[in-house]
Protein backbone atom coordinates (compact mmCIF):
# COMPACT_ATOMS: atom_id res chain seq x y z
CA MET A 1 81.37 119.49 137.24
CA ASN A 2 79.00 118.83 134.35
CA GLY A 3 79.73 116.34 131.59
CA LEU A 4 80.88 118.88 129.03
CA ASP A 5 83.31 120.63 131.37
CA ALA A 6 84.69 117.26 132.49
CA ALA A 7 85.20 116.15 128.90
CA LEU A 8 86.89 119.40 127.88
CA GLU A 9 89.16 119.29 130.92
CA LYS A 10 90.09 115.72 130.03
CA MET A 11 91.00 116.76 126.49
CA ARG A 12 93.14 119.67 127.64
CA ALA A 13 94.97 117.41 130.11
CA ASP A 14 95.62 115.08 127.18
CA GLY A 15 97.29 117.91 125.26
CA ALA A 16 94.49 118.67 122.79
CA GLN A 17 94.83 121.94 120.90
CA PRO A 18 92.10 124.63 121.28
CA VAL A 19 90.57 123.98 117.84
CA ALA A 20 90.13 120.28 118.69
CA VAL A 21 88.57 121.18 122.03
CA GLU A 22 86.17 123.66 120.47
CA THR A 23 85.20 121.22 117.72
CA PHE A 24 84.33 118.59 120.33
CA ARG A 25 82.36 121.21 122.30
CA HIS A 26 80.39 122.00 119.12
CA TYR A 27 79.27 118.39 118.65
CA TYR A 28 78.70 117.72 122.37
CA GLU A 29 76.36 120.69 122.62
CA ARG A 30 74.42 119.48 119.57
CA LEU A 31 74.07 116.06 121.21
CA ARG A 32 73.00 117.62 124.52
CA GLU A 33 70.36 119.67 122.72
CA GLY A 34 68.81 116.47 121.39
CA GLU A 35 70.28 116.16 117.92
CA ALA A 36 70.38 112.49 116.96
CA GLY A 37 72.73 112.74 114.00
CA VAL A 38 70.02 111.47 111.62
CA LEU A 39 69.37 112.66 108.07
CA ARG A 40 65.87 111.54 107.13
CA GLU A 41 64.72 110.50 103.68
CA ASP A 42 62.05 113.22 103.58
CA GLU A 43 64.78 115.85 104.10
CA ILE A 44 66.69 114.88 100.95
CA GLU A 45 66.15 114.06 97.32
CA PRO A 46 68.13 111.93 94.87
CA VAL A 47 70.85 113.33 92.63
CA ASP A 48 70.43 112.26 89.01
CA GLU A 49 73.08 114.11 87.04
CA ILE A 50 76.53 115.39 87.97
CA PRO A 51 79.66 116.17 85.92
CA ALA A 52 81.57 113.11 84.71
CA PHE A 53 85.32 112.63 84.56
CA GLU A 54 85.13 111.65 80.89
CA GLU A 55 83.59 115.02 80.04
CA LEU A 56 86.33 117.13 81.60
CA PRO A 57 88.37 119.24 79.15
CA ARG A 58 91.93 118.28 78.30
CA PRO A 59 94.33 120.73 79.95
CA SER A 60 97.44 122.23 78.39
CA ASP A 61 100.89 121.29 79.66
CA ASP A 62 101.28 124.76 81.15
CA GLU A 63 98.00 124.44 83.05
CA VAL A 64 99.04 121.07 84.42
CA ARG A 65 102.43 122.28 85.59
CA GLU A 66 101.02 125.40 87.25
CA ALA A 67 98.31 123.44 89.09
CA LEU A 68 100.59 120.58 90.10
CA ASP A 69 103.07 122.98 91.65
CA GLN A 70 100.31 124.06 94.04
CA ALA A 71 99.11 120.53 94.86
CA VAL A 72 99.72 118.21 97.79
CA VAL A 73 98.87 114.50 98.12
CA LEU A 74 97.31 113.89 101.53
CA LYS A 75 96.68 110.31 102.65
CA LEU A 76 94.60 109.27 105.64
CA ASN A 77 96.82 106.82 107.48
CA GLY A 78 95.33 106.42 110.95
CA GLY A 79 94.04 102.85 110.67
CA LEU A 80 95.62 99.79 112.28
CA GLY A 81 93.79 97.17 110.27
CA THR A 82 92.39 95.66 113.46
CA GLY A 83 89.56 94.09 111.47
CA MET A 84 92.19 91.90 109.83
CA GLY A 85 93.98 91.19 113.10
CA MET A 86 96.78 93.72 112.56
CA THR A 87 98.44 95.68 115.37
CA ARG A 88 100.36 98.27 113.33
CA ALA A 89 99.61 100.66 110.48
CA LYS A 90 97.48 98.94 107.86
CA SER A 91 99.38 100.81 105.16
CA LEU A 92 102.51 98.76 105.99
CA LEU A 93 100.83 95.53 104.90
CA GLU A 94 102.21 93.95 101.74
CA VAL A 95 99.64 94.59 99.06
CA LYS A 96 101.20 94.10 95.61
CA ASP A 97 104.42 92.68 94.18
CA GLY A 98 106.13 92.67 97.57
CA LEU A 99 105.28 96.34 98.17
CA SER A 100 103.22 97.85 100.97
CA PHE A 101 100.50 100.46 100.47
CA LEU A 102 102.96 103.16 101.53
CA ASP A 103 105.64 101.85 99.14
CA VAL A 104 103.21 102.11 96.23
CA ILE A 105 101.99 105.56 97.28
CA VAL A 106 105.55 106.88 97.48
CA ARG A 107 106.32 105.47 94.02
CA GLN A 108 103.21 107.18 92.64
CA VAL A 109 104.24 110.55 94.06
CA LEU A 110 107.88 110.27 92.98
CA ALA A 111 106.82 109.26 89.46
CA LEU A 112 104.51 112.29 89.28
CA ARG A 113 107.29 114.59 90.42
CA ALA A 114 109.69 113.12 87.86
CA SER A 115 107.26 113.43 84.95
CA SER A 116 106.04 116.94 85.78
CA GLY A 117 108.94 118.64 87.56
CA ALA A 118 106.43 119.84 90.18
CA ARG A 119 107.00 119.69 93.94
CA VAL A 120 103.93 117.59 94.94
CA PRO A 121 104.65 116.81 98.61
CA LEU A 122 103.25 113.66 100.23
CA VAL A 123 101.66 114.24 103.64
CA LEU A 124 100.13 111.62 105.95
CA MET A 125 97.41 112.17 108.52
CA ASN A 126 98.59 109.63 111.09
CA SER A 127 97.21 108.51 114.41
CA PHE A 128 99.41 108.16 117.49
CA ALA A 129 99.37 104.40 116.87
CA THR A 130 100.53 104.58 113.23
CA ARG A 131 102.93 107.50 113.27
CA ASP A 132 106.34 106.10 114.23
CA ASP A 133 106.26 103.00 112.03
CA SER A 134 104.84 104.89 109.06
CA LEU A 135 107.40 107.70 109.18
CA ALA A 136 110.21 105.16 109.46
CA ALA A 137 108.86 103.37 106.39
CA LEU A 138 108.54 106.64 104.44
CA ARG A 139 112.08 107.72 105.17
CA ARG A 140 113.47 104.54 103.65
CA HIS A 141 112.51 106.07 100.29
CA GLU A 142 115.15 108.48 99.08
CA GLY A 143 113.78 111.84 98.01
CA VAL A 144 110.32 111.50 99.53
CA GLU A 145 110.64 114.53 101.81
CA ALA A 146 109.56 117.92 100.52
CA ASP A 147 109.44 121.45 101.94
CA VAL A 148 106.60 120.71 104.40
CA PRO A 149 106.43 118.13 107.21
CA LEU A 150 105.71 114.54 106.21
CA ASP A 151 102.75 114.18 108.54
CA PHE A 152 100.41 115.52 111.17
CA VAL A 153 98.47 113.60 113.80
CA GLN A 154 94.72 113.25 114.10
CA ASN A 155 92.95 114.10 117.34
CA ARG A 156 91.15 111.86 119.79
CA VAL A 157 88.08 112.62 121.88
CA PRO A 158 86.47 111.21 125.03
CA LYS A 159 83.81 108.54 124.74
CA ILE A 160 80.61 109.77 126.40
CA ARG A 161 78.42 107.67 128.65
CA ALA A 162 75.08 106.83 127.03
CA ASP A 163 73.22 106.57 130.36
CA GLY A 164 71.86 110.11 130.17
CA SER A 165 74.61 111.73 132.21
CA LEU A 166 76.74 112.44 129.10
CA ASP A 167 79.82 112.24 131.32
CA PRO A 168 83.14 111.15 129.84
CA VAL A 169 83.40 107.43 130.51
CA GLU A 170 85.99 106.03 132.91
CA TRP A 171 87.40 102.56 132.29
CA PRO A 172 90.32 101.81 134.62
CA ALA A 173 90.72 98.31 133.14
CA ASN A 174 92.07 99.97 129.98
CA PRO A 175 92.16 103.80 130.06
CA GLU A 176 93.04 103.92 126.35
CA GLN A 177 89.54 102.66 125.62
CA GLU A 178 88.14 105.85 127.16
CA TRP A 179 89.16 107.61 123.93
CA ALA A 180 87.79 107.42 120.39
CA PRO A 181 88.81 108.72 116.98
CA PRO A 182 86.37 111.45 115.91
CA GLY A 183 85.99 110.10 112.37
CA HIS A 184 87.89 111.34 109.34
CA GLY A 185 86.01 114.63 109.55
CA ASP A 186 88.77 115.35 112.07
CA LEU A 187 90.93 116.11 109.02
CA TYR A 188 89.99 119.79 109.25
CA PRO A 189 90.63 120.52 112.95
CA ALA A 190 93.77 118.34 112.81
CA LEU A 191 95.11 120.35 109.87
CA VAL A 192 94.64 123.52 111.89
CA ALA A 193 95.77 122.20 115.28
CA SER A 194 98.99 120.76 113.85
CA GLY A 195 99.89 123.94 111.97
CA MET A 196 99.89 121.96 108.73
CA LEU A 197 97.23 124.11 107.06
CA ASP A 198 99.26 127.29 107.58
CA ALA A 199 102.50 125.54 106.57
CA LEU A 200 100.96 124.41 103.28
CA LEU A 201 99.49 127.81 102.49
CA GLU A 202 102.75 129.58 103.35
CA GLY A 203 104.56 127.14 101.07
CA GLY A 204 102.37 128.14 98.13
CA TYR A 205 100.20 125.02 98.17
CA ARG A 206 96.54 125.51 97.42
CA TYR A 207 94.99 122.18 96.38
CA ALA A 208 94.91 119.06 98.56
CA PHE A 209 94.13 115.71 96.98
CA VAL A 210 92.82 113.59 99.87
CA SER A 211 92.20 109.84 99.92
CA ASN A 212 92.53 106.75 102.10
CA ALA A 213 95.93 105.08 102.19
CA ASP A 214 94.30 101.70 101.53
CA ASN A 215 92.75 102.84 98.22
CA LEU A 216 95.53 102.58 95.64
CA GLY A 217 93.10 103.34 92.83
CA ALA A 218 92.94 106.94 94.07
CA THR A 219 95.76 108.88 92.44
CA LEU A 220 96.25 112.58 91.79
CA ASP A 221 94.81 113.07 88.31
CA PRO A 222 96.03 116.28 86.59
CA ARG A 223 92.86 116.47 84.51
CA ILE A 224 90.68 116.72 87.62
CA LEU A 225 93.12 119.09 89.31
CA THR A 226 93.27 121.57 86.44
CA TRP A 227 89.47 121.55 86.04
CA LEU A 228 89.10 122.20 89.76
CA ALA A 229 91.56 125.10 89.55
CA ARG A 230 90.01 126.59 86.40
CA GLU A 231 86.45 126.46 87.78
CA GLU A 232 87.55 127.56 91.28
CA VAL A 233 85.72 124.65 92.92
CA PRO A 234 86.34 124.93 96.68
CA PHE A 235 85.52 121.32 97.50
CA LEU A 236 85.03 118.26 95.30
CA MET A 237 83.82 114.79 96.24
CA GLU A 238 84.59 111.91 93.89
CA VAL A 239 81.62 109.58 93.54
CA ALA A 240 80.99 106.43 91.52
CA VAL A 241 77.85 104.64 90.35
CA ARG A 242 76.51 102.33 93.03
CA THR A 243 76.21 98.59 92.55
CA GLU A 244 74.83 95.92 94.88
CA GLN A 245 78.25 95.82 96.56
CA ASP A 246 77.93 99.50 97.48
CA ARG A 247 74.50 99.42 99.15
CA LYS A 248 75.94 100.08 102.62
CA GLY A 249 78.30 102.89 101.66
CA GLY A 250 77.52 106.56 102.12
CA HIS A 251 75.63 108.07 99.19
CA LEU A 252 75.29 111.49 97.61
CA ALA A 253 71.99 113.34 97.94
CA ARG A 254 70.63 116.86 97.82
CA ARG A 255 68.93 118.66 100.68
CA ARG A 256 65.43 119.66 99.66
CA GLY A 257 65.78 123.19 98.41
CA GLY A 258 69.50 123.15 99.15
CA GLY A 259 72.88 121.84 98.14
CA LEU A 260 74.64 118.50 97.98
CA VAL A 261 74.97 116.36 101.09
CA LEU A 262 76.51 113.04 102.08
CA ARG A 263 74.40 110.52 104.03
CA GLU A 264 76.11 107.65 105.84
CA VAL A 265 74.27 104.54 107.06
CA ALA A 266 74.95 105.64 110.66
CA GLN A 267 72.90 108.78 109.92
CA THR A 268 69.95 106.82 108.56
CA ALA A 269 66.76 106.17 110.53
CA GLU A 270 65.75 102.51 110.65
CA GLU A 271 62.63 103.12 108.60
CA ASP A 272 64.73 104.82 105.90
CA VAL A 273 67.25 101.98 105.45
CA PRO A 274 65.42 100.49 102.42
CA ALA A 275 65.59 103.87 100.67
CA PHE A 276 69.24 104.28 101.71
CA GLN A 277 70.09 100.94 100.12
CA ASP A 278 68.04 101.56 96.96
CA ILE A 279 70.80 101.92 94.36
CA GLU A 280 68.34 103.02 91.68
CA ARG A 281 67.06 105.88 93.84
CA HIS A 282 70.41 107.01 95.27
CA ARG A 283 72.75 106.27 92.38
CA PHE A 284 76.12 107.60 93.53
CA PHE A 285 78.32 106.56 96.45
CA ASN A 286 81.12 108.48 98.12
CA THR A 287 84.55 107.02 97.30
CA ASN A 288 86.08 109.00 100.19
CA THR A 289 88.41 110.71 97.75
CA MET A 290 88.22 114.50 97.82
CA TRP A 291 89.85 117.66 96.56
CA VAL A 292 90.03 120.71 98.84
CA ASP A 293 91.01 124.27 98.00
CA LEU A 294 93.06 125.11 101.09
CA ARG A 295 92.46 128.85 100.72
CA ALA A 296 88.72 128.19 100.66
CA LEU A 297 89.10 125.96 103.71
CA LYS A 298 90.89 128.72 105.61
CA HIS A 299 88.13 131.19 104.66
CA THR A 300 85.30 128.80 105.51
CA LEU A 301 86.82 128.04 108.91
CA SER A 302 87.02 131.78 109.58
CA VAL A 303 83.37 132.28 108.62
CA HIS A 304 82.32 129.55 111.07
CA GLY A 305 84.47 130.69 113.98
CA GLY A 306 87.17 128.11 113.44
CA VAL A 307 84.90 125.04 113.54
CA LEU A 308 83.43 123.44 110.41
CA PRO A 309 79.81 122.54 111.27
CA LEU A 310 79.82 119.12 109.60
CA PRO A 311 76.80 116.85 109.91
CA MET A 312 77.17 114.87 113.14
CA ILE A 313 77.39 111.09 113.35
CA VAL A 314 76.36 109.54 116.68
CA ASN A 315 78.09 106.18 116.93
CA ARG A 316 76.74 104.01 119.74
CA LYS A 317 79.06 101.31 121.11
CA THR A 318 80.34 99.84 124.37
CA VAL A 319 83.45 101.32 125.93
CA ASP A 320 85.26 98.00 125.33
CA PRO A 321 84.18 96.97 121.83
CA GLY A 322 85.04 93.36 122.67
CA ASP A 323 82.89 93.28 125.82
CA ALA A 324 79.17 93.74 125.24
CA SER A 325 78.60 93.99 129.02
CA SER A 326 80.85 97.07 129.38
CA PRO A 327 79.14 100.48 129.66
CA ALA A 328 77.32 101.84 126.63
CA VAL A 329 78.94 104.92 125.16
CA VAL A 330 78.44 107.51 122.46
CA GLN A 331 81.25 108.40 120.06
CA LEU A 332 80.79 111.78 118.37
CA GLU A 333 82.10 111.58 114.83
CA SER A 334 81.95 113.27 111.45
CA ALA A 335 82.88 112.35 107.89
CA MET A 336 85.37 114.46 105.94
CA ALA A 337 83.39 114.26 102.69
CA ALA A 338 80.36 115.67 104.54
CA ALA A 339 82.08 119.05 104.08
CA ILE A 340 80.31 119.11 100.71
CA ASP A 341 77.37 120.38 102.80
CA VAL A 342 79.43 123.27 104.21
CA PHE A 343 81.45 124.76 101.35
CA GLU A 344 79.57 127.13 99.08
CA ALA A 345 79.68 125.97 95.45
CA ALA A 346 81.00 122.51 96.43
CA GLN A 347 80.61 119.89 93.72
CA ALA A 348 80.70 116.15 93.11
CA LEU A 349 82.35 114.43 90.16
CA ARG A 350 81.40 111.02 88.78
CA VAL A 351 84.60 109.01 88.30
CA PRO A 352 85.28 105.53 86.91
CA LYS A 353 85.08 102.67 89.41
CA SER A 354 88.77 102.08 88.65
CA ARG A 355 89.57 104.99 91.00
CA PHE A 356 88.05 103.01 93.86
CA ALA A 357 90.04 99.92 94.88
CA PRO A 358 90.00 99.89 98.69
CA VAL A 359 91.28 96.99 100.75
CA LYS A 360 88.90 96.75 103.71
CA ALA A 361 89.10 92.98 104.22
CA THR A 362 91.10 89.97 103.09
CA ASN A 363 88.57 89.44 100.26
CA ASP A 364 89.78 92.69 98.72
CA LEU A 365 93.42 91.93 99.49
CA LEU A 366 93.34 88.65 97.57
CA VAL A 367 91.97 90.38 94.47
CA VAL A 368 94.51 93.20 94.57
CA ARG A 369 97.42 90.82 95.18
CA SER A 370 96.32 88.61 92.29
CA ASP A 371 97.05 88.96 88.58
CA ALA A 372 93.64 90.61 88.09
CA TYR A 373 95.47 93.85 88.96
CA GLU A 374 98.81 95.19 87.82
CA LEU A 375 101.04 98.11 88.70
CA THR A 376 101.87 100.44 85.83
CA PRO A 377 105.35 102.03 85.49
CA GLU A 378 103.88 105.05 87.33
CA ALA A 379 102.81 102.68 90.15
CA HIS A 380 99.11 103.10 89.36
CA LEU A 381 97.05 100.08 90.39
CA VAL A 382 94.83 99.07 87.45
CA VAL A 383 92.71 96.11 86.48
CA VAL A 384 94.46 94.15 83.71
CA PRO A 385 93.24 95.22 80.25
CA GLU A 386 91.50 91.97 79.33
CA ARG A 387 89.07 92.45 82.24
CA ARG A 388 87.84 95.79 80.85
CA GLY A 389 88.02 97.50 84.22
CA VAL A 390 85.95 94.94 86.15
CA PRO A 391 87.73 93.03 88.95
CA PRO A 392 86.50 89.59 90.06
CA LEU A 393 84.34 89.14 93.15
CA VAL A 394 85.85 87.16 96.03
CA GLU A 395 84.11 85.89 99.16
CA LEU A 396 86.29 84.07 101.68
CA ASP A 397 85.01 82.15 104.69
CA GLY A 398 85.30 84.55 107.62
CA ALA A 399 86.10 81.81 110.10
CA HIS A 400 89.32 80.92 108.29
CA TYR A 401 90.40 83.98 106.29
CA LYS A 402 89.37 87.11 108.22
CA LEU A 403 92.67 87.53 110.06
CA ILE A 404 95.78 88.25 108.01
CA GLY A 405 97.80 85.47 109.65
CA ASP A 406 95.16 82.85 108.83
CA PHE A 407 94.76 84.28 105.33
CA ASP A 408 98.47 84.16 104.51
CA ALA A 409 98.76 80.61 105.87
CA ARG A 410 96.15 79.44 103.34
CA PHE A 411 97.92 81.06 100.39
CA PRO A 412 101.52 80.08 101.25
CA ALA A 413 102.72 80.35 97.64
CA GLY A 414 100.74 83.51 96.86
CA PRO A 415 97.29 84.14 95.43
CA PRO A 416 95.73 82.04 92.67
CA SER A 417 95.41 83.48 89.19
CA LEU A 418 92.15 85.47 89.03
CA ALA A 419 92.70 87.12 85.64
CA GLU A 420 90.00 84.91 84.09
CA ALA A 421 87.78 84.62 87.17
CA GLU A 422 84.31 86.09 87.56
CA ARG A 423 83.77 85.04 91.16
CA LEU A 424 85.57 82.93 93.77
CA ASN A 425 83.60 81.77 96.81
CA VAL A 426 85.55 79.80 99.43
CA VAL A 427 83.54 77.95 102.08
CA GLY A 428 85.38 76.27 104.93
CA ASP A 429 89.09 75.65 105.38
CA VAL A 430 90.87 75.54 102.01
CA THR A 431 94.61 75.89 101.39
CA PHE A 432 95.78 76.90 97.92
CA GLY A 433 98.92 75.49 96.32
CA ARG A 434 101.27 77.20 93.90
CA ASP A 435 100.08 78.45 90.46
CA VAL A 436 96.40 77.65 91.01
CA VAL A 437 94.15 79.12 88.28
CA VAL A 438 90.52 80.18 88.74
CA ARG A 439 88.32 80.56 85.66
CA GLY A 440 84.70 81.70 85.58
CA ALA A 441 82.54 81.49 88.72
CA VAL A 442 83.90 78.96 91.20
CA THR A 443 82.85 77.77 94.66
CA VAL A 444 85.35 75.72 96.67
CA GLU A 445 84.35 73.88 99.84
CA GLY A 446 86.70 72.65 102.54
CA PRO A 447 88.40 71.16 104.34
CA ARG A 448 90.60 70.76 101.29
CA ARG A 449 94.03 71.48 99.86
CA ILE A 450 94.15 72.55 96.23
CA GLY A 451 97.23 71.12 94.54
CA ASP A 452 99.94 73.02 92.70
CA GLY A 453 98.91 74.01 89.18
CA GLU A 454 95.28 72.95 89.63
CA ILE A 455 92.72 74.69 87.42
CA LEU A 456 89.35 75.54 89.01
CA SER A 457 86.67 76.18 86.44
CA GLY A 458 83.04 77.05 86.94
């Protein structure tokens, strides 16, 4: 049996639906034919001007209500937060004022329903590892359920040996490590395989607002929604202006002689990395927040035989990520925002950086937990007004703060005040007391304990 047949048989035995199997086949065959999943600098050109959020027209109340009644909030919720030492859904981590990510998201959706009278269901794309805990947490909120299921589950695919055989890897020491998530581009086959796409369309829902569960800055904005509906935009990627902090994130570009495209660092040839990281050349980064016309998605899938031909990402790892001596493997992945390259008339929209507040590490978590951010009555996470939309920069020593348990132990009374901080750099082992205040740019070196009420000024 060849590698492809073995991989497909393995997926079917695992219960994968036909659309997931055929999507994997599509990418495997591209890999077998020699595609490297690289988008070269000479194939693209920079994007200089795109529509801006501030320039969008103000909709009428009737337009807002009509569009909202066809909208769904879809949150990607498959991550376990393993980079921070977590073993359950990252979205269940306390993030602000004693609330988890999911608590805040539910409050946002319920507030939108209350103010508009629209249905606006909340749907999660879970993984097998996050599903049970997340659904239990959702159902503790009265009134969160709508007329469609609360979630669907993303697919998983075999890791492929990188030794030239392209066989699905076997790893008896831990068979679960034989499987990989296929990237968040799996959104599309998972919507189909689960029946969620048809359920939404049959329920009269047309527009999906899609974002990561760990980005509380991303909320369904009626102004964007109504513009999308009025202009009949089939797919919209939210982008923001790149800064030095965003040099490694995927950026927007344009294929030479073609349409918009997303390029991730994993798709970048080594010699093109300087151009990839040039924030003056490639000015806009993907916030991983998108809007999808579900009718257009259904049509586009039909045109392409049920499989969206997204740009392929070839992720090279070892089968056990914690064991560099374990066999080398290939993980075939795709990015959901890369669909901008597939939908005809897809667009990008430049949005304020305030719509991008992800928590990828404890550095981010400290800022969001601090008084530099606040939750509005609608549960929107915003930078406090006196900071004029600019959060402070925090760099914590990875040896002592990377894991959530170590991080919490060093802030036993909660985060310091960062409302007046520009930057906080913590080197070594430092424990913060109660009501510590950081002003300006401050570097703290440990080992040290900062006393209650101490003011750190740079």
